[in-house]
PDB file of N, CA and C in Angstrom:
ATOM      1  N   MET A   1     -13.057  12.426  32.085  1.00  0.00           N
ATOM      2  CA  MET A   1     -13.842  12.450  30.874  1.00  0.00           C
ATOM      3  C   MET A   1     -13.016  11.844  29.744  1.00  0.00           C
ATOM      4  N   THR A   2     -13.594  10.902  29.043  1.00  0.00           N
ATOM      5  CA  THR A   2     -12.870  10.248  27.962  1.00  0.00           C
ATOM      6  C   THR A   2     -13.211  10.885  26.632  1.00  0.00           C
ATOM      7  N   ASN A   3     -12.265  10.818  25.742  1.00  0.00           N
ATOM      8  CA  ASN A   3     -12.442  11.354  24.402  1.00  0.00           C
ATOM      9  C   ASN A   3     -13.185  10.318  23.563  1.00  0.00           C
ATOM     10  N   THR A   4     -14.341  10.681  23.021  1.00  0.00           N
ATOM     11  CA  THR A   4     -15.134   9.756  22.226  1.00  0.00           C
ATOM     12  C   THR A   4     -14.776   9.802  20.746  1.00  0.00           C
ATOM     13  N   ASN A   5     -13.954  10.745  20.333  1.00  0.00           N
ATOM     14  CA  ASN A   5     -13.536  10.824  18.940  1.00  0.00           C
ATOM     15  C   ASN A   5     -12.469   9.777  18.669  1.00  0.00           C
ATOM     16  N   PRO A   6     -12.669   8.956  17.633  1.00  0.00           N
ATOM     17  CA  PRO A   6     -11.652   7.950  17.333  1.00  0.00           C
ATOM     18  C   PRO A   6     -10.392   8.607  16.789  1.00  0.00           C
ATOM     19  N   ILE A   7      -9.275   7.998  17.078  1.00  0.00           N
ATOM     20  CA  ILE A   7      -8.014   8.492  16.541  1.00  0.00           C
ATOM     21  C   ILE A   7      -7.876   7.930  15.137  1.00  0.00           C
ATOM     22  N   VAL A   8      -7.810   8.809  14.187  1.00  0.00           N
ATOM     23  CA  VAL A   8      -7.752   8.394  12.791  1.00  0.00           C
ATOM     24  C   VAL A   8      -6.425   8.846  12.211  1.00  0.00           C
ATOM     25  N   SER A   9      -5.675   7.911  11.680  1.00  0.00           N
ATOM     26  CA  SER A   9      -4.410   8.274  11.067  1.00  0.00           C
ATOM     27  C   SER A   9      -4.643   8.634   9.611  1.00  0.00           C
ATOM     28  N   ASN A  10      -3.676   9.298   9.027  1.00  0.00           N
ATOM     29  CA  ASN A  10      -3.766   9.647   7.617  1.00  0.00           C
ATOM     30  C   ASN A  10      -3.646   8.386   6.784  1.00  0.00           C
ATOM     31  N   GLU A  11      -4.672   8.114   6.007  1.00  0.00           N
ATOM     32  CA  GLU A  11      -4.677   6.931   5.155  1.00  0.00           C
ATOM     33  C   GLU A  11      -4.185   7.329   3.770  1.00  0.00           C
ATOM     34  N   LYS A  12      -3.051   6.770   3.388  1.00  0.00           N
ATOM     35  CA  LYS A  12      -2.489   7.076   2.069  1.00  0.00           C
ATOM     36  C   LYS A  12      -3.306   6.398   0.987  1.00  0.00           C
ATOM     37  N   PHE A  13      -3.207   6.940  -0.202  1.00  0.00           N
ATOM     38  CA  PHE A  13      -3.895   6.366  -1.352  1.00  0.00           C
ATOM     39  C   PHE A  13      -3.103   5.172  -1.868  1.00  0.00           C
ATOM     40  N   GLN A  14      -3.798   4.258  -2.517  1.00  0.00           N
ATOM     41  CA  GLN A  14      -3.158   3.069  -3.080  1.00  0.00           C
ATOM     42  C   GLN A  14      -2.612   3.330  -4.480  1.00  0.00           C
ATOM     43  N   SER A  15      -3.190   4.307  -5.185  1.00  0.00           N
ATOM     44  CA  SER A  15      -2.774   4.580  -6.559  1.00  0.00           C
ATOM     45  C   SER A  15      -3.169   5.998  -6.948  1.00  0.00           C
ATOM     46  N   ALA A  16      -2.672   6.431  -8.098  1.00  0.00           N
ATOM     47  CA  ALA A  16      -3.033   7.739  -8.620  1.00  0.00           C
ATOM     48  C   ALA A  16      -4.514   7.769  -8.991  1.00  0.00           C
ATOM     49  N   GLU A  17      -5.038   6.658  -9.478  1.00  0.00           N
ATOM     50  CA  GLU A  17      -6.462   6.605  -9.817  1.00  0.00           C
ATOM     51  C   GLU A  17      -7.317   6.818  -8.583  1.00  0.00           C
ATOM     52  N   GLN A  18      -6.968   6.186  -7.486  1.00  0.00           N
ATOM     53  CA  GLN A  18      -7.723   6.369  -6.253  1.00  0.00           C
ATOM     54  C   GLN A  18      -7.648   7.831  -5.797  1.00  0.00           C
ATOM     55  N   LEU A  19      -6.477   8.430  -5.884  1.00  0.00           N
ATOM     56  CA  LEU A  19      -6.304   9.844  -5.542  1.00  0.00           C
ATOM     57  C   LEU A  19      -7.179  10.717  -6.435  1.00  0.00           C
ATOM     58  N   TRP A  20      -7.166  10.457  -7.733  1.00  0.00           N
ATOM     59  CA  TRP A  20      -7.925  11.262  -8.687  1.00  0.00           C
ATOM     60  C   TRP A  20      -9.429  11.154  -8.431  1.00  0.00           C
ATOM     61  N   PHE A  21      -9.933   9.941  -8.247  1.00  0.00           N
ATOM     62  CA  PHE A  21     -11.363   9.767  -8.006  1.00  0.00           C
ATOM     63  C   PHE A  21     -11.778  10.395  -6.679  1.00  0.00           C
ATOM     64  N   TRP A  22     -10.932  10.281  -5.659  1.00  0.00           N
ATOM     65  CA  TRP A  22     -11.212  10.926  -4.369  1.00  0.00           C
ATOM     66  C   TRP A  22     -11.280  12.436  -4.540  1.00  0.00           C
ATOM     67  N   PHE A  23     -10.333  12.991  -5.290  1.00  0.00           N
ATOM     68  CA  PHE A  23     -10.285  14.429  -5.531  1.00  0.00           C
ATOM     69  C   PHE A  23     -11.571  14.915  -6.200  1.00  0.00           C
ATOM     70  N   LEU A  24     -11.989  14.260  -7.275  1.00  0.00           N
ATOM     71  CA  LEU A  24     -13.204  14.681  -7.981  1.00  0.00           C
ATOM     72  C   LEU A  24     -14.435  14.541  -7.086  1.00  0.00           C
ATOM     73  N   TYR A  25     -14.520  13.452  -6.350  1.00  0.00           N
ATOM     74  CA  TYR A  25     -15.648  13.233  -5.443  1.00  0.00           C
ATOM     75  C   TYR A  25     -15.673  14.315  -4.353  1.00  0.00           C
ATOM     76  N   SER A  26     -14.525  14.602  -3.788  1.00  0.00           N
ATOM     77  CA  SER A  26     -14.454  15.596  -2.712  1.00  0.00           C
ATOM     78  C   SER A  26     -14.805  16.988  -3.215  1.00  0.00           C
ATOM     79  N   ARG A  27     -14.359  17.321  -4.424  1.00  0.00           N
ATOM     80  CA  ARG A  27     -14.724  18.619  -5.017  1.00  0.00           C
ATOM     81  C   ARG A  27     -16.223  18.719  -5.233  1.00  0.00           C
ATOM     82  N   GLN A  28     -16.821  17.619  -5.687  1.00  0.00           N
ATOM     83  CA  GLN A  28     -18.265  17.616  -5.912  1.00  0.00           C
ATOM     84  C   GLN A  28     -19.012  17.779  -4.585  1.00  0.00           C
ATOM     85  N   MET A  29     -18.564  17.092  -3.568  1.00  0.00           N
ATOM     86  CA  MET A  29     -19.209  17.213  -2.259  1.00  0.00           C
ATOM     87  C   MET A  29     -19.086  18.639  -1.726  1.00  0.00           C
ATOM     88  N   ARG A  30     -17.920  19.225  -1.899  1.00  0.00           N
ATOM     89  CA  ARG A  30     -17.709  20.598  -1.435  1.00  0.00           C
ATOM     90  C   ARG A  30     -18.577  21.565  -2.234  1.00  0.00           C
ATOM     91  N   ALA A  31     -18.658  21.371  -3.545  1.00  0.00           N
ATOM     92  CA  ALA A  31     -19.470  22.251  -4.391  1.00  0.00           C
ATOM     93  C   ALA A  31     -20.943  22.165  -4.023  1.00  0.00           C
ATOM     94  N   ASN A  32     -21.384  20.983  -3.649  1.00  0.00           N
ATOM     95  CA  ASN A  32     -22.779  20.783  -3.258  1.00  0.00           C
ATOM     96  C   ASN A  32     -23.007  21.038  -1.771  1.00  0.00           C
ATOM     97  N   ARG A  33     -21.929  21.432  -1.099  1.00  0.00           N
ATOM     98  CA  ARG A  33     -21.958  21.725   0.331  1.00  0.00           C
ATOM     99  C   ARG A  33     -22.477  20.554   1.162  1.00  0.00           C
ATOM    100  N   LEU A  34     -22.101  19.362   0.737  1.00  0.00           N
ATOM    101  CA  LEU A  34     -22.479  18.167   1.473  1.00  0.00           C
ATOM    102  C   LEU A  34     -21.375  17.822   2.459  1.00  0.00           C
ATOM    103  N   ILE A  35     -21.777  17.395   3.606  1.00  0.00           N
ATOM    104  CA  ILE A  35     -20.824  17.079   4.666  1.00  0.00           C
ATOM    105  C   ILE A  35     -21.041  15.631   5.088  1.00  0.00           C
ATOM    106  N   ASN A  36     -19.947  14.912   5.305  1.00  0.00           N
ATOM    107  CA  ASN A  36     -20.040  13.544   5.800  1.00  0.00           C
ATOM    108  C   ASN A  36     -20.339  13.614   7.292  1.00  0.00           C
ATOM    109  N   ARG A  37     -21.584  13.397   7.649  1.00  0.00           N
ATOM    110  CA  ARG A  37     -21.997  13.514   9.050  1.00  0.00           C
ATOM    111  C   ARG A  37     -21.970  12.184   9.795  1.00  0.00           C
ATOM    112  N   GLY A  38     -21.605  11.149   9.119  1.00  0.00           N
ATOM    113  CA  GLY A  38     -21.571   9.850   9.778  1.00  0.00           C
ATOM    114  C   GLY A  38     -20.566   8.972   9.084  1.00  0.00           C
ATOM    115  N   GLY A  39     -20.603   7.736   9.429  1.00  0.00           N
ATOM    116  CA  GLY A  39     -19.693   6.812   8.770  1.00  0.00           C
ATOM    117  C   GLY A  39     -18.283   6.923   9.308  1.00  0.00           C
ATOM    118  N   ASN A  40     -17.360   6.448   8.526  1.00  0.00           N
ATOM    119  CA  ASN A  40     -15.957   6.404   8.921  1.00  0.00           C
ATOM    120  C   ASN A  40     -15.229   7.646   8.420  1.00  0.00           C
ATOM    121  N   PRO A  41     -14.820   8.534   9.316  1.00  0.00           N
ATOM    122  CA  PRO A  41     -14.099   9.732   8.878  1.00  0.00           C
ATOM    123  C   PRO A  41     -12.645   9.388   8.543  1.00  0.00           C
ATOM    124  N   THR A  42     -12.366   9.211   7.278  1.00  0.00           N
ATOM    125  CA  THR A  42     -11.023   8.862   6.854  1.00  0.00           C
ATOM    126  C   THR A  42     -10.248  10.126   6.563  1.00  0.00           C
ATOM    127  N   ARG A  43      -9.124  10.263   7.215  1.00  0.00           N
ATOM    128  CA  ARG A  43      -8.251  11.395   6.942  1.00  0.00           C
ATOM    129  C   ARG A  43      -7.295  11.023   5.833  1.00  0.00           C
ATOM    130  N   ARG A  44      -7.040  11.960   4.972  1.00  0.00           N
ATOM    131  CA  ARG A  44      -6.112  11.737   3.876  1.00  0.00           C
ATOM    132  C   ARG A  44      -4.869  12.579   4.112  1.00  0.00           C
ATOM    133  N   PRO A  45      -3.743  12.207   3.493  1.00  0.00           N
ATOM    134  CA  PRO A  45      -2.497  12.922   3.720  1.00  0.00           C
ATOM    135  C   PRO A  45      -2.432  14.267   2.986  1.00  0.00           C
ATOM    136  N   CYS A  46      -3.513  14.621   2.280  1.00  0.00           N
ATOM    137  CA  CYS A  46      -3.527  15.879   1.552  1.00  0.00           C
ATOM    138  C   CYS A  46      -4.941  16.443   1.551  1.00  0.00           C
ATOM    139  N   GLU A  47      -5.046  17.684   1.163  1.00  0.00           N
ATOM    140  CA  GLU A  47      -6.338  18.352   1.041  1.00  0.00           C
ATOM    141  C   GLU A  47      -6.694  18.485  -0.435  1.00  0.00           C
ATOM    142  N   ILE A  48      -7.932  18.832  -0.703  1.00  0.00           N
ATOM    143  CA  ILE A  48      -8.389  19.033  -2.078  1.00  0.00           C
ATOM    144  C   ILE A  48      -7.521  20.072  -2.783  1.00  0.00           C
ATOM    145  N   LEU A  49      -7.241  21.169  -2.097  1.00  0.00           N
ATOM    146  CA  LEU A  49      -6.427  22.233  -2.693  1.00  0.00           C
ATOM    147  C   LEU A  49      -5.017  21.751  -3.016  1.00  0.00           C
ATOM    148  N   ASP A  50      -4.469  20.859  -2.208  1.00  0.00           N
ATOM    149  CA  ASP A  50      -3.139  20.310  -2.472  1.00  0.00           C
ATOM    150  C   ASP A  50      -3.113  19.563  -3.812  1.00  0.00           C
ATOM    151  N   VAL A  51      -4.146  18.763  -4.047  1.00  0.00           N
ATOM    152  CA  VAL A  51      -4.218  17.989  -5.295  1.00  0.00           C
ATOM    153  C   VAL A  51      -4.415  18.932  -6.480  1.00  0.00           C
ATOM    154  N   GLU A  52      -5.291  19.910  -6.310  1.00  0.00           N
ATOM    155  CA  GLU A  52      -5.533  20.881  -7.378  1.00  0.00           C
ATOM    156  C   GLU A  52      -4.247  21.637  -7.721  1.00  0.00           C
ATOM    157  N   THR A  53      -3.501  22.013  -6.718  1.00  0.00           N
ATOM    158  CA  THR A  53      -2.231  22.707  -6.928  1.00  0.00           C
ATOM    159  C   THR A  53      -1.230  21.805  -7.645  1.00  0.00           C
ATOM    160  N   LEU A  54      -1.159  20.549  -7.243  1.00  0.00           N
ATOM    161  CA  LEU A  54      -0.246  19.605  -7.883  1.00  0.00           C
ATOM    162  C   LEU A  54      -0.603  19.420  -9.359  1.00  0.00           C
ATOM    163  N   ILE A  55      -1.880  19.240  -9.663  1.00  0.00           N
ATOM    164  CA  ILE A  55      -2.316  19.070 -11.048  1.00  0.00           C
ATOM    165  C   ILE A  55      -1.949  20.313 -11.860  1.00  0.00           C
ATOM    166  N   THR A  56      -2.170  21.476 -11.295  1.00  0.00           N
ATOM    167  CA  THR A  56      -1.838  22.732 -11.984  1.00  0.00           C
ATOM    168  C   THR A  56      -0.345  22.825 -12.251  1.00  0.00           C
ATOM    169  N   LYS A  57       0.472  22.481 -11.264  1.00  0.00           N
ATOM    170  CA  LYS A  57       1.925  22.523 -11.442  1.00  0.00           C
ATOM    171  C   LYS A  57       2.379  21.543 -12.521  1.00  0.00           C
ATOM    172  N   LEU A  58       1.800  20.359 -12.521  1.00  0.00           N
ATOM    173  CA  LEU A  58       2.166  19.366 -13.542  1.00  0.00           C
ATOM    174  C   LEU A  58       1.762  19.854 -14.934  1.00  0.00           C
ATOM    175  N   TYR A  59       0.621  20.500 -15.037  1.00  0.00           N
ATOM    176  CA  TYR A  59       0.169  21.040 -16.321  1.00  0.00           C
ATOM    177  C   TYR A  59       1.084  22.177 -16.785  1.00  0.00           C
ATOM    178  N   LEU A  60       1.379  23.101 -15.888  1.00  0.00           N
ATOM    179  CA  LEU A  60       2.219  24.249 -16.249  1.00  0.00           C
ATOM    180  C   LEU A  60       3.649  23.827 -16.584  1.00  0.00           C
ATOM    181  N   ALA A  61       4.094  22.721 -16.004  1.00  0.00           N
ATOM    182  CA  ALA A  61       5.434  22.206 -16.292  1.00  0.00           C
ATOM    183  C   ALA A  61       5.457  21.390 -17.587  1.00  0.00           C
ATOM    184  N   GLY A  62       4.295  21.203 -18.200  1.00  0.00           N
ATOM    185  CA  GLY A  62       4.221  20.452 -19.440  1.00  0.00           C
ATOM    186  C   GLY A  62       4.203  18.949 -19.267  1.00  0.00           C
ATOM    187  N   LYS A  63       3.997  18.500 -18.053  1.00  0.00           N
ATOM    188  CA  LYS A  63       3.976  17.057 -17.788  1.00  0.00           C
ATOM    189  C   LYS A  63       2.593  16.449 -18.021  1.00  0.00           C
ATOM    190  N   LEU A  64       1.557  17.275 -17.948  1.00  0.00           N
ATOM    191  CA  LEU A  64       0.196  16.861 -18.291  1.00  0.00           C
ATOM    192  C   LEU A  64      -0.296  17.760 -19.417  1.00  0.00           C
ATOM    193  N   THR A  65      -0.981  17.184 -20.386  1.00  0.00           N
ATOM    194  CA  THR A  65      -1.464  17.949 -21.539  1.00  0.00           C
ATOM    195  C   THR A  65      -2.955  18.262 -21.385  1.00  0.00           C
ATOM    196  N   ASP A  66      -3.423  19.154 -22.246  1.00  0.00           N
ATOM    197  CA  ASP A  66      -4.859  19.470 -22.274  1.00  0.00           C
ATOM    198  C   ASP A  66      -5.677  18.202 -22.524  1.00  0.00           C
ATOM    199  N   THR A  67      -5.227  17.408 -23.479  1.00  0.00           N
ATOM    200  CA  THR A  67      -5.933  16.171 -23.826  1.00  0.00           C
ATOM    201  C   THR A  67      -6.005  15.237 -22.626  1.00  0.00           C
ATOM    202  N   GLN A  68      -4.900  15.077 -21.932  1.00  0.00           N
ATOM    203  CA  GLN A  68      -4.888  14.201 -20.762  1.00  0.00           C
ATOM    204  C   GLN A  68      -5.837  14.717 -19.679  1.00  0.00           C
ATOM    205  N   LEU A  69      -5.837  16.021 -19.440  1.00  0.00           N
ATOM    206  CA  LEU A  69      -6.735  16.579 -18.430  1.00  0.00           C
ATOM    207  C   LEU A  69      -8.200  16.395 -18.825  1.00  0.00           C
ATOM    208  N   GLU A  70      -8.499  16.561 -20.110  1.00  0.00           N
ATOM    209  CA  GLU A  70      -9.871  16.351 -20.578  1.00  0.00           C
ATOM    210  C   GLU A  70     -10.298  14.902 -20.359  1.00  0.00           C
ATOM    211  N   ILE A  71      -9.412  13.977 -20.663  1.00  0.00           N
ATOM    212  CA  ILE A  71      -9.712  12.557 -20.476  1.00  0.00           C
ATOM    213  C   ILE A  71      -9.857  12.227 -18.992  1.00  0.00           C
ATOM    214  N   MET A  72      -8.984  12.789 -18.165  1.00  0.00           N
ATOM    215  CA  MET A  72      -9.071  12.560 -16.729  1.00  0.00           C
ATOM    216  C   MET A  72     -10.417  13.045 -16.185  1.00  0.00           C
ATOM    217  N   LYS A  73     -10.862  14.197 -16.640  1.00  0.00           N
ATOM    218  CA  LYS A  73     -12.140  14.754 -16.190  1.00  0.00           C
ATOM    219  C   LYS A  73     -13.306  13.925 -16.726  1.00  0.00           C
ATOM    220  N   LYS A  74     -13.274  13.622 -18.018  1.00  0.00           N
ATOM    221  CA  LYS A  74     -14.370  12.877 -18.648  1.00  0.00           C
ATOM    222  C   LYS A  74     -14.592  11.524 -17.970  1.00  0.00           C
ATOM    223  N   PHE A  75     -13.524  10.770 -17.799  1.00  0.00           N
ATOM    224  CA  PHE A  75     -13.670   9.439 -17.207  1.00  0.00           C
ATOM    225  C   PHE A  75     -13.773   9.513 -15.686  1.00  0.00           C
ATOM    226  N   GLY A  76     -13.229  10.559 -15.097  1.00  0.00           N
ATOM    227  CA  GLY A  76     -13.426  10.760 -13.664  1.00  0.00           C
ATOM    228  C   GLY A  76     -14.890  10.987 -13.346  1.00  0.00           C
ATOM    229  N   ASP A  77     -15.580  11.737 -14.213  1.00  0.00           N
ATOM    230  CA  ASP A  77     -17.016  11.955 -14.029  1.00  0.00           C
ATOM    231  C   ASP A  77     -17.795  10.655 -14.203  1.00  0.00           C
ATOM    232  N   LYS A  78     -17.273   9.749 -15.025  1.00  0.00           N
ATOM    233  CA  LYS A  78     -17.911   8.440 -15.213  1.00  0.00           C
ATOM    234  C   LYS A  78     -17.546   7.468 -14.085  1.00  0.00           C
ATOM    235  N   LYS A  79     -16.601   7.899 -13.246  1.00  0.00           N
ATOM    236  CA  LYS A  79     -16.119   7.101 -12.109  1.00  0.00           C
ATOM    237  C   LYS A  79     -15.458   5.791 -12.538  1.00  0.00           C
ATOM    238  N   ARG A  80     -14.751   5.877 -13.647  1.00  0.00           N
ATOM    239  CA  ARG A  80     -14.003   4.712 -14.124  1.00  0.00           C
ATOM    240  C   ARG A  80     -12.905   5.173 -15.075  1.00  0.00           C
ATOM    241  N   ALA A  81     -11.932   4.311 -15.239  1.00  0.00           N
ATOM    242  CA  ALA A  81     -10.851   4.576 -16.190  1.00  0.00           C
ATOM    243  C   ALA A  81     -11.274   4.103 -17.576  1.00  0.00           C
ATOM    244  N   PRO A  82     -10.733   4.700 -18.627  1.00  0.00           N
ATOM    245  CA  PRO A  82     -11.026   4.188 -19.970  1.00  0.00           C
ATOM    246  C   PRO A  82     -10.419   2.793 -20.127  1.00  0.00           C
ATOM    247  N   HIS A  83     -11.043   1.976 -20.935  1.00  0.00           N
ATOM    248  CA  HIS A  83     -10.616   0.596 -21.096  1.00  0.00           C
ATOM    249  C   HIS A  83      -9.858   0.430 -22.410  1.00  0.00           C
ATOM    250  N   GLN A  84      -8.671  -0.129 -22.329  1.00  0.00           N
ATOM    251  CA  GLN A  84      -7.817  -0.269 -23.514  1.00  0.00           C
ATOM    252  C   GLN A  84      -8.371  -1.230 -24.551  1.00  0.00           C
ATOM    253  N   TYR A  85      -9.240  -2.149 -24.144  1.00  0.00           N
ATOM    254  CA  TYR A  85      -9.771  -3.135 -25.075  1.00  0.00           C
ATOM    255  C   TYR A  85     -11.105  -2.722 -25.703  1.00  0.00           C
ATOM    256  N   ILE A  86     -11.609  -1.571 -25.331  1.00  0.00           N
ATOM    257  CA  ILE A  86     -12.785  -1.014 -25.996  1.00  0.00           C
ATOM    258  C   ILE A  86     -12.257  -0.086 -27.079  1.00  0.00           C
ATOM    259  N   TRP A  87     -12.558  -0.401 -28.329  1.00  0.00           N
ATOM    260  CA  TRP A  87     -11.966   0.302 -29.460  1.00  0.00           C
ATOM    261  C   TRP A  87     -12.121   1.821 -29.338  1.00  0.00           C
ATOM    262  N   ALA A  88     -13.294   2.294 -28.969  1.00  0.00           N
ATOM    263  CA  ALA A  88     -13.550   3.733 -28.885  1.00  0.00           C
ATOM    264  C   ALA A  88     -12.781   4.399 -27.740  1.00  0.00           C
ATOM    265  N   GLU A  89     -12.263   3.615 -26.800  1.00  0.00           N
ATOM    266  CA  GLU A  89     -11.555   4.172 -25.647  1.00  0.00           C
ATOM    267  C   GLU A  89     -10.064   3.865 -25.667  1.00  0.00           C
ATOM    268  N   ASN A  90      -9.591   3.206 -26.699  1.00  0.00           N
ATOM    269  CA  ASN A  90      -8.208   2.759 -26.762  1.00  0.00           C
ATOM    270  C   ASN A  90      -7.214   3.908 -26.604  1.00  0.00           C
ATOM    271  N   ARG A  91      -7.375   4.951 -27.404  1.00  0.00           N
ATOM    272  CA  ARG A  91      -6.448   6.105 -27.319  1.00  0.00           C
ATOM    273  C   ARG A  91      -6.572   6.826 -25.977  1.00  0.00           C
ATOM    274  N   ALA A  92      -7.798   6.946 -25.496  1.00  0.00           N
ATOM    275  CA  ALA A  92      -8.006   7.595 -24.203  1.00  0.00           C
ATOM    276  C   ALA A  92      -7.327   6.798 -23.094  1.00  0.00           C
ATOM    277  N   ALA A  93      -7.351   5.473 -23.197  1.00  0.00           N
ATOM    278  CA  ALA A  93      -6.711   4.628 -22.183  1.00  0.00           C
ATOM    279  C   ALA A  93      -5.204   4.864 -22.143  1.00  0.00           C
ATOM    280  N   ALA A  94      -4.603   5.017 -23.310  1.00  0.00           N
ATOM    281  CA  ALA A  94      -3.154   5.277 -23.358  1.00  0.00           C
ATOM    282  C   ALA A  94      -2.836   6.631 -22.723  1.00  0.00           C
ATOM    283  N   GLN A  95      -3.627   7.646 -23.037  1.00  0.00           N
ATOM    284  CA  GLN A  95      -3.425   8.975 -22.447  1.00  0.00           C
ATOM    285  C   GLN A  95      -3.658   8.943 -20.932  1.00  0.00           C
ATOM    286  N   TRP A  96      -4.682   8.223 -20.530  1.00  0.00           N
ATOM    287  CA  TRP A  96      -5.018   8.081 -19.104  1.00  0.00           C
ATOM    288  C   TRP A  96      -3.838   7.450 -18.351  1.00  0.00           C
ATOM    289  N   ASN A  97      -3.316   6.356 -18.898  1.00  0.00           N
ATOM    290  CA  ASN A  97      -2.207   5.656 -18.237  1.00  0.00           C
ATOM    291  C   ASN A  97      -0.983   6.551 -18.101  1.00  0.00           C
ATOM    292  N   THR A  98      -0.673   7.308 -19.135  1.00  0.00           N
ATOM    293  CA  THR A  98       0.459   8.233 -19.072  1.00  0.00           C
ATOM    294  C   THR A  98       0.216   9.293 -18.000  1.00  0.00           C
ATOM    295  N   ALA A  99      -0.974   9.853 -17.982  1.00  0.00           N
ATOM    296  CA  ALA A  99      -1.300  10.886 -16.993  1.00  0.00           C
ATOM    297  C   ALA A  99      -1.261  10.334 -15.571  1.00  0.00           C
ATOM    298  N   MET A 100      -1.778   9.127 -15.382  1.00  0.00           N
ATOM    299  CA  MET A 100      -1.776   8.521 -14.046  1.00  0.00           C
ATOM    300  C   MET A 100      -0.353   8.217 -13.582  1.00  0.00           C
ATOM    301  N   ASN A 101       0.519   7.835 -14.498  1.00  0.00           N
ATOM    302  CA  ASN A 101       1.927   7.600 -14.141  1.00  0.00           C
ATOM    303  C   ASN A 101       2.591   8.894 -13.683  1.00  0.00           C
ATOM    304  N   VAL A 102       2.309   9.987 -14.376  1.00  0.00           N
ATOM    305  CA  VAL A 102       2.862  11.294 -13.996  1.00  0.00           C
ATOM    306  C   VAL A 102       2.326  11.706 -12.630  1.00  0.00           C
ATOM    307  N   LEU A 103       1.015  11.583 -12.451  1.00  0.00           N
ATOM    308  CA  LEU A 103       0.398  11.955 -11.183  1.00  0.00           C
ATOM    309  C   LEU A 103       0.907  11.079 -10.042  1.00  0.00           C
ATOM    310  N   GLU A 104       1.038   9.798 -10.292  1.00  0.00           N
ATOM    311  CA  GLU A 104       1.496   8.883  -9.240  1.00  0.00           C
ATOM    312  C   GLU A 104       2.923   9.208  -8.802  1.00  0.00           C
ATOM    313  N   ALA A 105       3.808   9.476  -9.749  1.00  0.00           N
ATOM    314  CA  ALA A 105       5.193   9.809  -9.396  1.00  0.00           C
ATOM    315  C   ALA A 105       5.245  11.076  -8.539  1.00  0.00           C
ATOM    316  N   ALA A 106       4.471  12.084  -8.920  1.00  0.00           N
ATOM    317  CA  ALA A 106       4.464  13.345  -8.159  1.00  0.00           C
ATOM    318  C   ALA A 106       3.830  13.161  -6.786  1.00  0.00           C
ATOM    319  N   ALA A 107       2.758  12.391  -6.711  1.00  0.00           N
ATOM    320  CA  ALA A 107       2.086  12.170  -5.430  1.00  0.00           C
ATOM    321  C   ALA A 107       2.926  11.313  -4.486  1.00  0.00           C
ATOM    322  N   LYS A 108       3.666  10.359  -5.039  1.00  0.00           N
ATOM    323  CA  LYS A 108       4.556   9.544  -4.203  1.00  0.00           C
ATOM    324  C   LYS A 108       5.660  10.410  -3.597  1.00  0.00           C
ATOM    325  N   GLN A 109       6.176  11.363  -4.343  1.00  0.00           N
ATOM    326  CA  GLN A 109       7.196  12.268  -3.818  1.00  0.00           C
ATOM    327  C   GLN A 109       6.669  13.054  -2.616  1.00  0.00           C
ATOM    328  N   ARG A 110       5.400  13.330  -2.631  1.00  0.00           N
ATOM    329  CA  ARG A 110       4.781  14.084  -1.536  1.00  0.00           C
ATOM    330  C   ARG A 110       4.291  13.192  -0.404  1.00  0.00           C
ATOM    331  N   GLY A 111       4.383  11.888  -0.585  1.00  0.00           N
ATOM    332  CA  GLY A 111       3.983  10.957   0.463  1.00  0.00           C
ATOM    333  C   GLY A 111       2.496  10.694   0.520  1.00  0.00           C
ATOM    334  N   TRP A 112       1.783  10.937  -0.564  1.00  0.00           N
ATOM    335  CA  TRP A 112       0.332  10.731  -0.583  1.00  0.00           C
ATOM    336  C   TRP A 112      -0.051   9.322  -1.000  1.00  0.00           C
ATOM    337  N   ILE A 113       0.856   8.643  -1.705  1.00  0.00           N
ATOM    338  CA  ILE A 113       0.591   7.295  -2.193  1.00  0.00           C
ATOM    339  C   ILE A 113       1.626   6.352  -1.592  1.00  0.00           C
ATOM    340  N   GLU A 114       1.165   5.178  -1.203  1.00  0.00           N
ATOM    341  CA  GLU A 114       2.073   4.183  -0.607  1.00  0.00           C
ATOM    342  C   GLU A 114       3.058   3.679  -1.611  1.00  0.00           C
TER     343      GLU A 114
END
């Protein structure tokens, strides 16, 4: 009898933004109790709880601020990063970039980002 399940390796994220958007999407799917019943089952090197724990640790250590978390959530819900050349988003873009740099450094240490 052959195994019909494909062997899927852990696919690392390309950036902190990709990790963040995946995290928000996965939380939403879990909250809505939606399950990926088809398509390509991509395994990630971390779980939703791992990312949530990392974000909490970075916040408690003072590496992420309330403002940065608010911006991450606001633009994460919009499924895009703030744009530095849009006047109304200029400050948010600077905060976003700082937060993504912090998240990327921490995630790289854990082996989640290439």
